[in-house]
Protein backbone atom coordinates (compact mmCIF):
# COMPACT_ATOMS: atom_id res chain seq x y z
CA MET A 1 9.27 11.33 16.84
CA PRO A 2 9.68 10.25 13.19
CA ALA A 3 13.23 9.51 12.15
CA LEU A 4 15.18 12.47 10.84
CA ASN A 5 17.15 12.26 7.62
CA LEU A 6 20.56 12.48 9.27
CA ALA A 7 22.54 12.98 6.11
CA ILE A 8 20.46 15.97 5.06
CA CYS A 9 20.41 17.44 8.55
CA TRP A 10 24.13 17.23 9.22
CA LYS A 11 25.27 18.11 5.73
CA SER A 12 23.10 21.22 5.98
CA PHE A 13 24.55 22.01 9.41
CA LEU A 14 28.13 21.51 8.27
CA TYR A 15 27.45 23.59 5.17
CA TYR A 16 26.31 26.41 7.42
CA LEU A 17 29.43 26.11 9.56
CA ILE A 18 31.69 26.33 6.54
CA GLU A 19 29.84 28.92 4.46
CA SER A 20 28.37 31.22 7.13
CA GLN A 21 31.21 31.86 9.57
CA SER A 22 31.21 35.57 8.83
CA ALA A 23 27.66 35.86 10.20
CA GLY A 24 28.53 36.10 13.87
CA ASN A 25 31.17 33.35 13.93
CA LEU A 26 28.71 31.25 15.93
CA ILE A 27 30.74 28.07 16.18
CA ASP A 28 34.49 27.82 15.76
CA LEU A 29 35.59 25.70 12.82
CA ASN A 30 37.68 23.61 15.21
CA LEU A 31 34.35 22.09 16.24
CA LEU A 32 34.27 20.24 12.93
CA GLY A 33 36.96 17.94 14.25
CA ILE A 34 34.54 16.23 16.65
CA PHE A 35 31.97 15.21 14.04
CA ARG A 36 32.11 11.64 12.74
CA GLU A 37 29.77 10.68 9.89
CA TYR A 38 27.68 13.74 10.75
CA THR A 39 26.38 12.11 13.95
CA PRO A 40 28.74 12.41 16.92
CA GLU A 41 28.30 9.62 19.46
CA ILE A 42 29.70 11.51 22.45
CA ILE A 43 30.85 15.07 23.00
CA CYS A 44 32.51 16.15 26.23
CA CYS A 45 32.32 19.69 27.48
CA ASN A 46 36.08 20.24 27.33
CA SER A 47 36.08 19.38 23.63
CA ILE A 48 33.77 22.23 22.65
CA LEU A 49 35.10 25.45 21.19
CA LEU A 50 32.26 27.93 20.93
CA ASN A 51 32.36 31.65 20.30
CA ALA A 52 29.45 33.48 21.91
CA SER A 53 30.88 36.99 21.56
CA ASN A 54 27.86 38.10 19.53
CA SER A 55 25.22 35.97 21.24
CA SER A 56 23.32 38.83 22.85
CA ASN A 57 22.62 41.77 20.59
CA TYR A 58 18.91 42.25 21.20
CA LEU A 59 19.15 44.20 24.47
CA ASP A 60 19.70 47.94 24.35
CA SER A 61 23.12 48.37 25.92
CA SER A 62 22.63 52.15 25.94
CA ILE A 63 19.92 51.67 28.58
CA LEU A 64 21.23 48.74 30.59
CA SER A 65 24.73 48.62 31.99
CA THR A 66 26.83 45.63 31.02
CA LYS A 67 26.51 44.18 34.51
CA ARG A 68 22.72 44.49 34.59
CA GLN A 69 22.50 43.17 31.06
CA LEU A 70 24.48 40.06 31.93
CA LEU A 71 22.35 39.52 35.04
CA LEU A 72 19.17 39.75 32.97
CA GLU A 73 20.63 37.39 30.38
CA LYS A 74 21.60 34.90 33.07
CA ASN A 75 18.14 35.04 34.68
CA ASN A 76 16.50 34.50 31.30
CA PHE A 77 18.79 31.57 30.58
CA ILE A 78 17.99 29.97 33.94
CA SER A 79 14.22 30.30 33.48
CA TYR A 80 14.45 29.12 29.86
CA LEU A 81 16.52 26.08 30.88
CA THR A 82 14.11 25.32 33.74
CA GLY A 83 11.22 25.29 31.26
CA ILE A 84 13.10 22.87 29.00
CA ILE A 85 13.89 20.56 31.91
CA GLU A 86 10.30 20.61 33.15
CA GLY A 87 8.94 19.88 29.70
CA TYR A 88 7.70 16.37 29.08
CA GLY A 89 10.49 14.17 27.82
CA SER A 90 13.35 16.58 28.49
CA ILE A 91 14.10 15.17 31.91
CA GLU A 92 11.97 12.58 33.58
CA TYR A 93 13.44 13.08 37.02
CA ALA A 94 16.69 13.32 38.88
CA LEU A 95 17.99 9.79 39.20
CA VAL A 96 18.69 9.49 42.91
CA PRO A 97 20.13 6.21 44.23
CA THR A 98 18.22 4.49 47.01
CA THR A 99 21.23 2.53 48.22
CA GLU A 100 24.82 3.47 48.99
CA ARG A 101 26.27 0.81 46.71
CA SER A 102 25.12 -1.21 43.74
CA SER A 103 24.76 -4.99 43.62
CA LYS A 104 28.38 -5.04 42.37
CA ASN A 105 29.48 -3.02 45.40
CA LYS A 106 30.10 0.13 43.40
CA LEU A 107 29.21 3.52 44.87
CA ASN A 108 25.92 4.91 43.55
CA TYR A 109 25.68 8.54 42.43
CA PRO A 110 22.73 10.68 41.32
CA SER A 111 22.36 11.81 37.73
CA ILE A 112 20.44 14.55 35.94
CA GLN A 113 19.68 13.87 32.27
CA ILE A 114 18.33 16.38 29.76
CA ALA A 115 17.15 15.07 26.38
CA PHE A 116 17.35 16.88 23.03
CA HIS A 117 16.09 15.74 19.66
CA LEU A 118 18.82 14.91 17.18
CA LYS A 119 18.10 18.00 15.09
CA ASP A 120 18.59 20.25 18.14
CA LEU A 121 22.24 19.36 18.71
CA PRO A 122 23.42 22.98 18.09
CA LEU A 123 21.11 24.17 20.88
CA ALA A 124 22.29 21.37 23.17
CA LEU A 125 25.89 22.41 22.57
CA LEU A 126 25.20 26.02 23.55
CA ILE A 127 23.32 25.01 26.68
CA GLN A 128 26.17 22.70 27.64
CA LYS A 129 28.62 25.53 27.00
CA ASN A 130 26.63 27.97 29.14
CA LEU A 131 26.43 25.46 31.98
CA GLY A 132 30.12 24.65 31.73
CA TYR A 133 29.72 21.00 32.66
CA GLY A 134 28.13 17.74 31.55
CA SER A 135 28.71 15.33 28.67
CA LEU A 136 26.54 15.06 25.57
CA GLN A 137 25.92 11.58 24.21
CA ARG A 138 23.87 10.13 21.36
CA THR A 139 21.37 7.51 22.49
CA LYS A 140 21.86 4.37 20.42
CA GLY A 141 18.91 3.58 18.19
CA LEU A 142 17.06 6.83 18.95
CA ASN A 143 17.06 10.34 17.47
CA VAL A 144 18.08 11.73 20.84
CA TYR A 145 21.08 13.31 22.51
CA ILE A 146 21.28 13.20 26.28
CA LEU A 147 23.13 15.82 28.30
CA TYR A 148 24.36 13.90 31.34
CA ILE A 149 25.24 15.75 34.54
CA ASN A 150 26.80 13.16 36.83
CA ASP A 151 29.60 14.81 38.81
CA LYS A 152 28.83 16.31 42.20
CA LYS A 153 29.83 19.87 41.29
CA GLY A 154 27.69 19.93 38.17
CA ILE A 155 24.69 18.45 39.96
CA LEU A 156 25.02 20.92 42.84
CA ASN A 157 25.28 23.88 40.46
CA LEU A 158 22.24 22.79 38.46
CA VAL A 159 20.21 22.18 41.62
CA LYS A 160 20.96 25.75 42.72
CA LEU A 161 19.84 27.06 39.32
CA LEU A 162 16.56 25.13 39.38
CA ASN A 163 15.72 25.69 43.05
CA GLY A 164 13.07 28.42 43.27
CA ASN A 165 12.44 28.54 39.51
CA MET A 166 10.39 25.39 38.93
CA LYS A 167 6.66 25.57 38.18
CA THR A 168 5.62 21.92 37.81
CA PRO A 169 5.32 18.80 40.02
CA LYS A 170 8.84 17.83 38.93
CA ILE A 171 9.89 19.96 41.87
CA HIS A 172 9.38 16.83 44.02
CA SER A 173 12.21 15.12 42.15
CA LEU A 174 14.36 18.16 42.85
CA TYR A 175 13.48 17.94 46.55
CA LYS A 176 14.49 14.29 46.55
CA LEU A 177 17.86 15.21 45.09
CA ILE A 178 18.32 18.06 47.60
CA ASP A 179 17.67 15.62 50.45
CA TRP A 180 20.32 13.29 49.03
CA LEU A 181 22.87 16.11 48.75
CA ASN A 182 22.15 17.36 52.28
CA ASN A 183 22.52 13.87 53.69
CA LYS A 184 25.86 13.43 51.95
CA ASP A 185 27.19 16.80 53.12
CA THR A 186 25.65 18.27 56.26
CA ASN A 187 27.46 21.55 55.63
CA LEU A 188 25.40 22.23 52.49
CA ASN A 189 22.10 22.78 54.30
CA LEU A 190 20.26 23.41 51.02
CA THR A 191 16.78 24.89 51.47
CA LYS A 192 13.94 23.49 49.36
CA LEU A 193 12.32 26.55 47.80
CA PRO A 194 8.63 26.47 46.80
CA LEU A 195 7.15 26.56 43.31
CA ASN A 196 7.72 29.77 41.38
CA ASN A 197 4.34 31.48 41.03
CA ASP A 198 5.56 34.61 39.23
CA SER A 199 3.63 35.68 36.17
CA LEU A 200 4.68 33.93 32.96
CA ILE A 201 5.26 37.31 31.33
CA ASN A 202 8.21 37.92 33.66
CA SER A 203 10.49 35.12 32.48
CA ALA A 204 11.56 32.88 29.60
CA TRP A 205 10.21 29.78 31.36
CA LEU A 206 7.31 29.30 28.94
CA SER A 207 9.70 29.52 25.98
CA GLY A 208 11.64 26.61 27.44
CA MET A 209 8.45 24.62 27.97
CA ILE A 210 7.38 25.31 24.37
CA GLU A 211 10.85 24.35 23.16
CA SER A 212 10.43 21.00 24.85
CA ASP A 213 6.86 20.08 24.06
CA GLY A 214 5.08 22.78 22.04
CA HIS A 215 3.83 22.22 18.50
CA PHE A 216 3.06 24.77 15.77
CA SER A 217 0.82 23.65 12.94
CA VAL A 218 -1.25 25.02 10.07
CA ARG A 219 -4.48 23.46 8.87
CA THR A 220 -5.58 24.21 5.30
CA THR A 221 -8.87 23.32 3.66
CA MET A 222 -8.87 24.05 -0.05
CA LYS A 223 -12.43 22.89 -0.76
CA GLY A 224 -15.18 25.42 -1.29
CA LYS A 225 -15.21 28.93 -2.71
CA TYR A 226 -12.98 30.34 0.01
CA PRO A 227 -10.00 28.32 1.30
CA LYS A 228 -9.82 27.94 5.07
CA ILE A 229 -6.50 28.45 6.86
CA GLU A 230 -6.01 27.89 10.60
CA CYS A 231 -2.84 28.54 12.61
CA LYS A 232 -2.69 26.46 15.78
CA PHE A 233 -0.30 26.05 18.67
CA GLU A 234 -0.64 23.06 21.01
CA LEU A 235 0.93 22.03 24.28
CA SER A 236 0.16 18.61 25.78
CA GLN A 237 1.21 16.94 29.00
CA ARG A 238 0.34 13.74 30.82
CA GLN A 239 -2.45 14.32 33.34
CA LYS A 240 -0.26 12.81 36.06
CA ASP A 241 3.50 12.50 36.25
CA HIS A 242 5.47 9.41 37.28
CA LEU A 243 4.83 10.23 40.96
CA ALA A 244 1.05 10.56 40.36
CA ASN A 245 1.12 14.36 40.78
CA SER A 246 -1.37 16.29 38.66
CA ASN A 247 -0.04 18.53 35.89
CA GLU A 248 -3.31 20.47 35.67
CA PRO A 249 -2.35 23.47 37.90
CA PHE A 250 0.61 24.66 35.87
CA LEU A 251 -1.17 23.96 32.57
CA ALA A 252 -4.15 25.96 33.82
CA ASN A 253 -1.76 28.84 34.46
CA ILE A 254 -0.49 28.69 30.88
CA ALA A 255 -4.05 28.38 29.55
CA GLU A 256 -5.14 31.45 31.50
CA PHE A 257 -2.14 33.39 30.19
CA LEU A 258 -3.03 32.52 26.57
CA LYS A 259 -6.81 32.86 27.15
CA VAL A 260 -7.57 29.29 26.12
CA SER A 261 -9.09 26.26 27.82
CA ILE A 262 -7.70 22.86 28.79
CA LYS A 263 -9.14 19.68 27.29
CA ASN A 264 -8.79 16.04 28.26
CA ILE A 265 -7.39 13.88 25.47
CA ARG A 266 -6.36 10.21 25.12
CA GLU A 267 -8.58 9.36 28.07
CA ASN A 268 -8.80 5.70 27.13
CA THR A 269 -5.03 5.21 27.10
CA THR A 270 -2.57 4.27 29.83
CA HIS A 271 -1.47 7.88 30.16
CA PRO A 272 -4.32 10.32 29.48
CA GLN A 273 -3.28 13.88 28.70
CA TYR A 274 -4.26 17.50 29.05
CA ARG A 275 -4.03 19.72 25.99
CA LEU A 276 -4.29 23.45 25.46
CA ARG A 277 -4.55 24.97 22.01
CA THR A 278 -4.53 28.46 20.51
CA MET A 279 -6.62 28.87 17.37
CA SER A 280 -8.05 32.39 17.26
CA LEU A 281 -6.09 35.38 16.02
CA GLU A 282 -6.27 36.91 19.50
CA THR A 283 -4.78 33.92 21.31
CA ASN A 284 -2.13 33.38 18.65
CA LEU A 285 -1.05 37.01 18.87
CA LEU A 286 -0.73 36.71 22.66
CA LEU A 287 1.79 33.94 22.04
CA VAL A 288 3.60 35.95 19.36
CA ASN A 289 3.92 38.94 21.69
CA TYR A 290 5.45 36.72 24.36
CA LEU A 291 7.90 35.02 21.98
CA ASN A 292 8.99 38.40 20.64
CA VAL A 293 10.38 39.07 24.12
CA TYR A 294 11.49 35.54 25.04
CA PRO A 295 12.39 33.79 21.76
CA LEU A 296 12.80 30.13 20.90
CA PHE A 297 16.26 28.87 19.95
CA GLY A 298 15.93 25.26 18.80
CA SER A 299 14.73 23.97 15.45
CA LYS A 300 11.24 24.82 16.68
CA PHE A 301 12.14 28.47 16.09
CA LEU A 302 12.16 27.72 12.35
CA ASP A 303 8.69 26.14 12.52
CA TYR A 304 7.46 29.09 14.56
CA ASN A 305 8.81 31.58 12.01
CA ASP A 306 6.95 29.86 9.16
CA TRP A 307 3.84 29.64 11.34
CA LYS A 308 4.07 33.33 12.19
CA GLU A 309 4.55 34.32 8.57
CA ILE A 310 1.33 32.52 7.69
CA LEU A 311 -0.40 34.11 10.67
CA ASN A 312 0.64 37.56 9.41
CA LEU A 313 -1.42 37.00 6.29
CA PHE A 314 -4.55 37.14 8.45
CA ASN A 315 -5.19 40.88 8.28
CA PRO A 316 -7.89 43.10 6.75
CA ARG A 317 -5.94 43.34 3.51
CA PHE A 318 -5.51 39.60 3.10
CA LYS A 319 -6.86 38.30 -0.17
CA ASN A 320 -7.47 34.71 -1.12
CA SER A 321 -5.28 35.11 -4.17
CA GLN A 322 -3.59 32.10 -5.67
CA TYR A 323 -0.24 33.70 -4.82
CA ASN A 324 -1.10 33.90 -1.12
CA ILE A 325 -2.54 30.40 -1.05
CA ASP A 326 0.57 28.98 -2.76
CA LYS A 327 2.75 30.86 -0.28
CA VAL A 328 0.90 29.33 2.67
CA LEU A 329 1.14 25.83 1.21
CA ASP A 330 4.85 26.22 0.47
CA LEU A 331 5.57 27.33 4.03
CA LYS A 332 3.43 24.59 5.53
CA LYS A 333 5.12 21.76 3.62
CA GLU A 334 8.51 22.64 5.16
CA MET A 335 7.34 22.71 8.78
CA ASN A 336 7.94 20.20 11.58
CA ASP A 337 8.85 16.68 10.43
CA ASN A 338 8.92 17.77 6.79
CA ARG A 339 11.79 20.21 7.33
CA THR A 340 15.00 19.26 5.53
CA ILE A 341 16.98 22.53 5.71
CA PHE A 342 18.09 23.93 9.06
CA THR A 343 19.69 27.35 9.54
CA TRP A 344 21.02 28.47 12.92
CA ASN A 345 21.70 32.20 12.55
CA HIS A 346 19.24 32.87 15.37
CA LEU A 347 21.61 31.25 17.86
CA ASN A 348 23.75 34.38 17.60
CA LYS A 349 21.16 35.88 19.97
CA PHE A 350 21.36 33.10 22.52
CA TYR A 351 21.58 34.12 26.17
CA LEU A 352 25.05 35.29 27.21
CA THR A 353 25.75 34.29 30.80
CA THR A 354 29.45 34.97 31.29
């Protein structure tokens, strides 16, 4: 991804921390102590002081009991996290050692690594806080933070969360890790659960997948008597993963849910891809209806909000006035890689799991 202007990003984030604490007290000001030059190199779980007391205000507590509400929140968090992990680039696979010791005679241990773009550090912090384990580290030379889960307890807990919730071929990497854990401790006897084939409408899994690898864009054509404006959402994946398993089945499931088709792209490259794309008002509204129930939480939420605002202009009363056209162009120029201001108020609604 193109390099992010770190100074702008982190100054904006720190400005929000200082000026907006009354709006939900999202992150304790003690957190400021861990930032160095706006780009922390490593953040350990025990160093994080987060306040999530207001992180779940969108469920009707008058209908659901607190216990049921927390269970629903936890289930949504698990499916959302699973979607992020299964997204391309978020975690390639569980790193499982093939030998007991390294060439230097050190014991080998497995590792699970979840990647976040630099601008999504606030989201990474909340996920780390909800998990309660792992260390977050900046990757040198890249706009990436990696959440490393290396200790046995953390790996075992995450395996139990993912087991039975995965929808992609990355389940084979999970199985490999389960085999390793069972071999190390015969008392575990972990069962390898099959792919989750539940309807996408029943979980936040697709939100996590979109968070990882979805893309919202707006195409504008100002030539001609009537300007042309198209709102598009795209999701692309390699046709085959690193173990040569096809990604087509789970993408076909998403395509069917959104009433779109799958296309082959980059066929002449080393790693050809599948792509699905929403373009019509009908297919875009299907996505909006889903995200109204299972929202996004990273910086992509901001792009989605601008995208949705433009989409809302497509109604019978829409007029190609200069005001409307200017509004669309202003929103478009702040989306995706062009965004310089990041607000995180929406994280007050992040899933509460404890």
